[in-house]
């Protein structure tokens, strides 16, 4: 017969023994998932868990993530550093009410939910590895910019090709440029989380967190 207190002790031991932080990635894009999955490595000691939301719009992704966290069988152990990241871009056509999206997401930050938001597309982060991101580009135009920047090392580049190893040596420069861009855009716009704030990416927050995880090992 189980004695009183044994179950609690077992849970505490389980949490202590589990060293890997679980990072849930809620996204619809293959490019994003392919890139972010690289942070599941021995040096980061994190488990990257891509979650198929079956949504292609930001609001659908965030609402799905919120419900996912609330499910009884999904346990975000915040004390251990588990987090969830909703990955989406501006795209006024599919995400017309971006303000509502961030209101929902910010209401769940206390439960470990964060964003990886890009404007106009995730590729703005790729571009920042090489140069400052150009202003006012469409998503398709930004994708053409990165295609030109990597053509010497990946002549047949397209969205389904993984260029993480090409970008990695330039990551420090990308982080520096992303923070400079963040600070500059904050001075111009009431919020950087808008359709108007182009270009923008907050992925540096995710990278910074993963580097914290790495440093803890």
Protein backbone atom coordinates (compact mmCIF):
# COMPACT_ATOMS: atom_id res chain seq x y z
CA UNK A 1 0.00 0.00 0.00
CA UNK A 2 1.28 3.46 -0.90
CA UNK A 3 1.99 5.56 2.15
CA UNK A 4 0.80 9.11 2.45
CA UNK A 5 3.33 11.53 0.95
CA UNK A 6 4.94 8.98 -1.34
CA UNK A 7 3.11 10.29 -4.42
CA UNK A 8 4.21 13.86 -3.73
CA UNK A 9 7.76 12.73 -3.14
CA UNK A 10 7.68 10.77 -6.39
CA UNK A 11 6.60 13.83 -8.36
CA UNK A 12 9.30 15.95 -6.77
CA UNK A 13 11.94 13.35 -7.62
CA UNK A 14 10.64 13.12 -11.18
CA UNK A 15 10.92 16.90 -11.63
CA UNK A 16 14.38 16.93 -10.15
CA UNK A 17 15.54 14.11 -12.38
CA UNK A 18 14.13 15.58 -15.58
CA UNK A 19 16.88 17.87 -16.80
CA UNK A 20 15.64 18.73 -20.26
CA UNK A 21 13.44 21.77 -20.64
CA UNK A 22 10.55 21.27 -23.02
CA UNK A 23 10.09 24.00 -25.59
CA UNK A 24 6.81 23.69 -27.48
CA UNK A 25 6.76 25.29 -30.94
CA UNK A 26 3.34 26.21 -32.29
CA UNK A 27 3.71 27.15 -35.93
CA UNK A 28 2.41 26.48 -39.42
CA UNK A 29 5.51 27.14 -41.50
CA UNK A 30 7.98 24.43 -42.51
CA UNK A 31 10.85 26.95 -42.70
CA UNK A 32 10.32 28.03 -39.11
CA UNK A 33 9.97 24.51 -37.74
CA UNK A 34 13.03 23.30 -39.65
CA UNK A 35 15.18 26.12 -38.27
CA UNK A 36 13.96 26.01 -34.66
CA UNK A 37 14.31 22.23 -34.42
CA UNK A 38 18.09 22.73 -34.46
CA UNK A 39 17.94 23.99 -30.89
CA UNK A 40 17.19 20.47 -29.77
CA UNK A 41 20.77 19.42 -29.23
CA UNK A 42 22.98 18.16 -26.46
CA UNK A 43 24.52 21.59 -25.79
CA UNK A 44 21.12 23.22 -25.26
CA UNK A 45 19.68 20.23 -23.42
CA UNK A 46 16.17 21.13 -24.52
CA UNK A 47 13.45 19.14 -26.19
CA UNK A 48 11.91 21.08 -29.08
CA UNK A 49 8.38 19.86 -29.66
CA UNK A 50 6.74 21.08 -32.88
CA UNK A 51 2.98 21.02 -32.47
CA UNK A 52 0.73 20.71 -35.51
CA UNK A 53 -1.95 23.31 -34.90
CA UNK A 54 -3.63 22.78 -38.29
CA UNK A 55 -3.98 26.58 -38.40
CA UNK A 56 -2.40 28.98 -40.87
CA UNK A 57 -3.46 32.18 -39.12
CA UNK A 58 -1.92 33.76 -36.04
CA UNK A 59 -5.16 33.89 -34.03
CA UNK A 60 -5.83 30.21 -34.67
CA UNK A 61 -2.29 29.27 -33.65
CA UNK A 62 -2.42 31.27 -30.40
CA UNK A 63 -5.88 30.03 -29.40
CA UNK A 64 -4.78 26.45 -30.12
CA UNK A 65 -1.63 26.96 -27.97
CA UNK A 66 -3.72 28.40 -25.14
CA UNK A 67 -6.04 25.38 -25.19
CA UNK A 68 -3.05 23.04 -25.50
CA UNK A 69 -1.56 24.44 -22.31
CA UNK A 70 -4.88 24.09 -20.52
CA UNK A 71 -5.25 20.42 -21.38
CA UNK A 72 -4.76 18.23 -18.33
CA UNK A 73 -2.32 15.94 -20.10
CA UNK A 74 0.06 18.76 -21.06
CA UNK A 75 2.15 19.92 -18.14
CA UNK A 76 4.23 23.06 -18.60
CA UNK A 77 6.67 22.85 -15.72
CA UNK A 78 7.46 26.55 -15.47
CA UNK A 79 9.85 26.08 -12.56
CA UNK A 80 11.95 23.83 -14.78
CA UNK A 81 11.88 26.36 -17.61
CA UNK A 82 9.35 24.86 -20.01
CA UNK A 83 7.96 27.33 -22.53
CA UNK A 84 5.68 27.53 -25.52
CA UNK A 85 6.38 29.73 -28.54
CA UNK A 86 3.75 30.78 -31.07
CA UNK A 87 5.49 31.38 -34.38
CA UNK A 88 3.74 33.60 -36.93
CA UNK A 89 4.29 36.62 -39.12
CA UNK A 90 2.39 39.82 -39.77
CA UNK A 91 0.50 38.96 -43.00
CA UNK A 92 -2.44 41.43 -42.91
CA UNK A 93 -4.50 39.14 -45.17
CA UNK A 94 -4.56 36.09 -42.88
CA UNK A 95 -3.96 38.02 -39.63
CA UNK A 96 -6.04 41.20 -39.93
CA UNK A 97 -6.57 41.67 -36.18
CA UNK A 98 -3.01 41.29 -34.93
CA UNK A 99 -3.74 43.33 -31.78
CA UNK A 100 -6.26 40.76 -30.56
CA UNK A 101 -3.73 38.00 -31.22
CA UNK A 102 -1.19 39.60 -28.90
CA UNK A 103 -3.81 40.39 -26.26
CA UNK A 104 -4.60 36.66 -26.08
CA UNK A 105 -0.92 35.68 -26.09
CA UNK A 106 0.11 38.23 -23.46
CA UNK A 107 -2.68 36.98 -21.21
CA UNK A 108 -0.91 33.61 -21.12
CA UNK A 109 2.68 34.73 -20.63
CA UNK A 110 2.38 33.83 -16.96
CA UNK A 111 1.82 30.26 -18.13
CA UNK A 112 4.94 30.23 -20.28
CA UNK A 113 3.52 31.28 -23.65
CA UNK A 114 5.64 33.59 -25.83
CA UNK A 115 5.89 34.71 -29.44
CA UNK A 116 8.31 34.50 -32.30
CA UNK A 117 6.84 37.26 -34.44
CA UNK A 118 8.21 38.42 -37.77
CA UNK A 119 7.25 41.21 -40.11
CA UNK A 120 6.90 40.65 -43.00
CA UNK A 121 8.19 37.05 -42.78
CA UNK A 122 10.45 34.74 -40.77
CA UNK A 123 13.13 35.32 -43.43
CA UNK A 124 13.81 38.77 -41.96
CA UNK A 125 15.77 36.87 -39.28
CA UNK A 126 17.81 35.11 -41.95
CA UNK A 127 18.59 38.43 -43.67
CA UNK A 128 19.86 39.93 -40.40
CA UNK A 129 22.70 37.40 -40.42
CA UNK A 130 24.17 39.23 -43.41
CA UNK A 131 22.95 42.81 -43.27
CA UNK A 132 20.33 45.16 -41.93
CA UNK A 133 16.86 44.15 -43.07
CA UNK A 134 15.38 46.33 -45.81
CA UNK A 135 12.31 48.36 -44.92
CA UNK A 136 8.84 47.98 -46.37
CA UNK A 137 9.32 44.67 -48.17
CA UNK A 138 6.57 42.13 -48.70
CA UNK A 139 7.04 38.57 -47.47
CA UNK A 140 7.81 37.38 -50.97
CA UNK A 141 10.32 40.18 -51.52
CA UNK A 142 12.09 39.36 -48.24
CA UNK A 143 12.37 35.74 -49.33
CA UNK A 144 14.00 36.89 -52.56
CA UNK A 145 16.48 38.98 -50.55
CA UNK A 146 17.71 35.98 -48.55
CA UNK A 147 17.81 33.87 -51.71
CA UNK A 148 20.29 36.37 -53.17
CA UNK A 149 22.34 36.53 -49.98
CA UNK A 150 22.91 32.76 -49.78
CA UNK A 151 23.27 32.02 -53.50
CA UNK A 152 27.06 31.50 -53.24
CA UNK A 153 26.65 28.77 -50.63
CA UNK A 154 23.24 27.47 -51.64
CA UNK A 155 22.53 28.22 -55.29
CA UNK A 156 19.25 26.29 -55.33
CA UNK A 157 17.85 27.79 -52.10
CA UNK A 158 14.12 27.62 -51.50
CA UNK A 159 11.95 27.61 -48.40
CA UNK A 160 12.17 23.85 -47.95
CA UNK A 161 15.99 23.85 -47.80
CA UNK A 162 17.63 23.98 -44.37
CA UNK A 163 20.30 26.73 -44.19
CA UNK A 164 20.85 26.67 -40.42
CA UNK A 165 24.52 25.67 -40.75
CA UNK A 166 25.13 28.51 -43.20
CA UNK A 167 23.60 31.00 -40.77
CA UNK A 168 25.06 29.71 -37.50
CA UNK A 169 28.54 31.32 -37.80
CA UNK A 170 26.81 34.68 -38.30
CA UNK A 171 24.33 34.35 -35.44
CA UNK A 172 26.02 36.87 -33.13
CA UNK A 173 25.83 39.52 -35.84
CA UNK A 174 22.18 38.67 -36.43
CA UNK A 175 21.37 39.02 -32.72
CA UNK A 176 23.11 42.39 -32.59
CA UNK A 177 21.24 43.67 -35.64
CA UNK A 178 17.91 42.30 -34.34
CA UNK A 179 18.30 44.14 -31.02
CA UNK A 180 19.28 47.36 -32.80
CA UNK A 181 16.23 46.99 -35.04
CA UNK A 182 13.99 46.32 -32.03
CA UNK A 183 15.19 49.42 -30.20
CA UNK A 184 14.93 51.61 -33.31
CA UNK A 185 11.41 50.45 -34.17
CA UNK A 186 10.21 50.97 -30.59
CA UNK A 187 11.00 54.66 -31.00
CA UNK A 188 8.92 54.89 -34.16
CA UNK A 189 5.84 52.77 -33.39
CA UNK A 190 3.51 52.57 -30.41
CA UNK A 191 4.02 48.81 -30.56
CA UNK A 192 6.42 46.69 -32.55
CA UNK A 193 3.74 44.02 -32.73
CA UNK A 194 1.84 45.53 -35.62
CA UNK A 195 1.45 45.35 -39.38
CA UNK A 196 3.07 48.76 -39.74
CA UNK A 197 6.35 47.88 -37.98
CA UNK A 198 8.20 46.46 -40.99
CA UNK A 199 10.81 44.99 -40.73
CA UNK A 200 10.79 43.38 -37.32
CA UNK A 201 11.50 40.13 -35.48
CA UNK A 202 11.53 39.26 -31.79
CA UNK A 203 13.30 35.92 -32.26
CA UNK A 204 16.29 37.29 -30.36
CA UNK A 205 14.24 36.73 -27.19
CA UNK A 206 13.96 33.03 -28.03
CA UNK A 207 17.69 32.78 -28.87
CA UNK A 208 18.62 34.59 -25.65
CA UNK A 209 16.49 32.16 -23.66
CA UNK A 210 18.02 29.15 -25.36
CA UNK A 211 21.47 30.53 -24.59
CA UNK A 212 20.42 30.79 -20.93
CA UNK A 213 19.42 27.13 -21.07
CA UNK A 214 22.78 26.32 -22.63
CA UNK A 215 24.67 28.24 -19.93
CA UNK A 216 22.83 26.37 -17.17
CA UNK A 217 24.15 23.01 -18.37
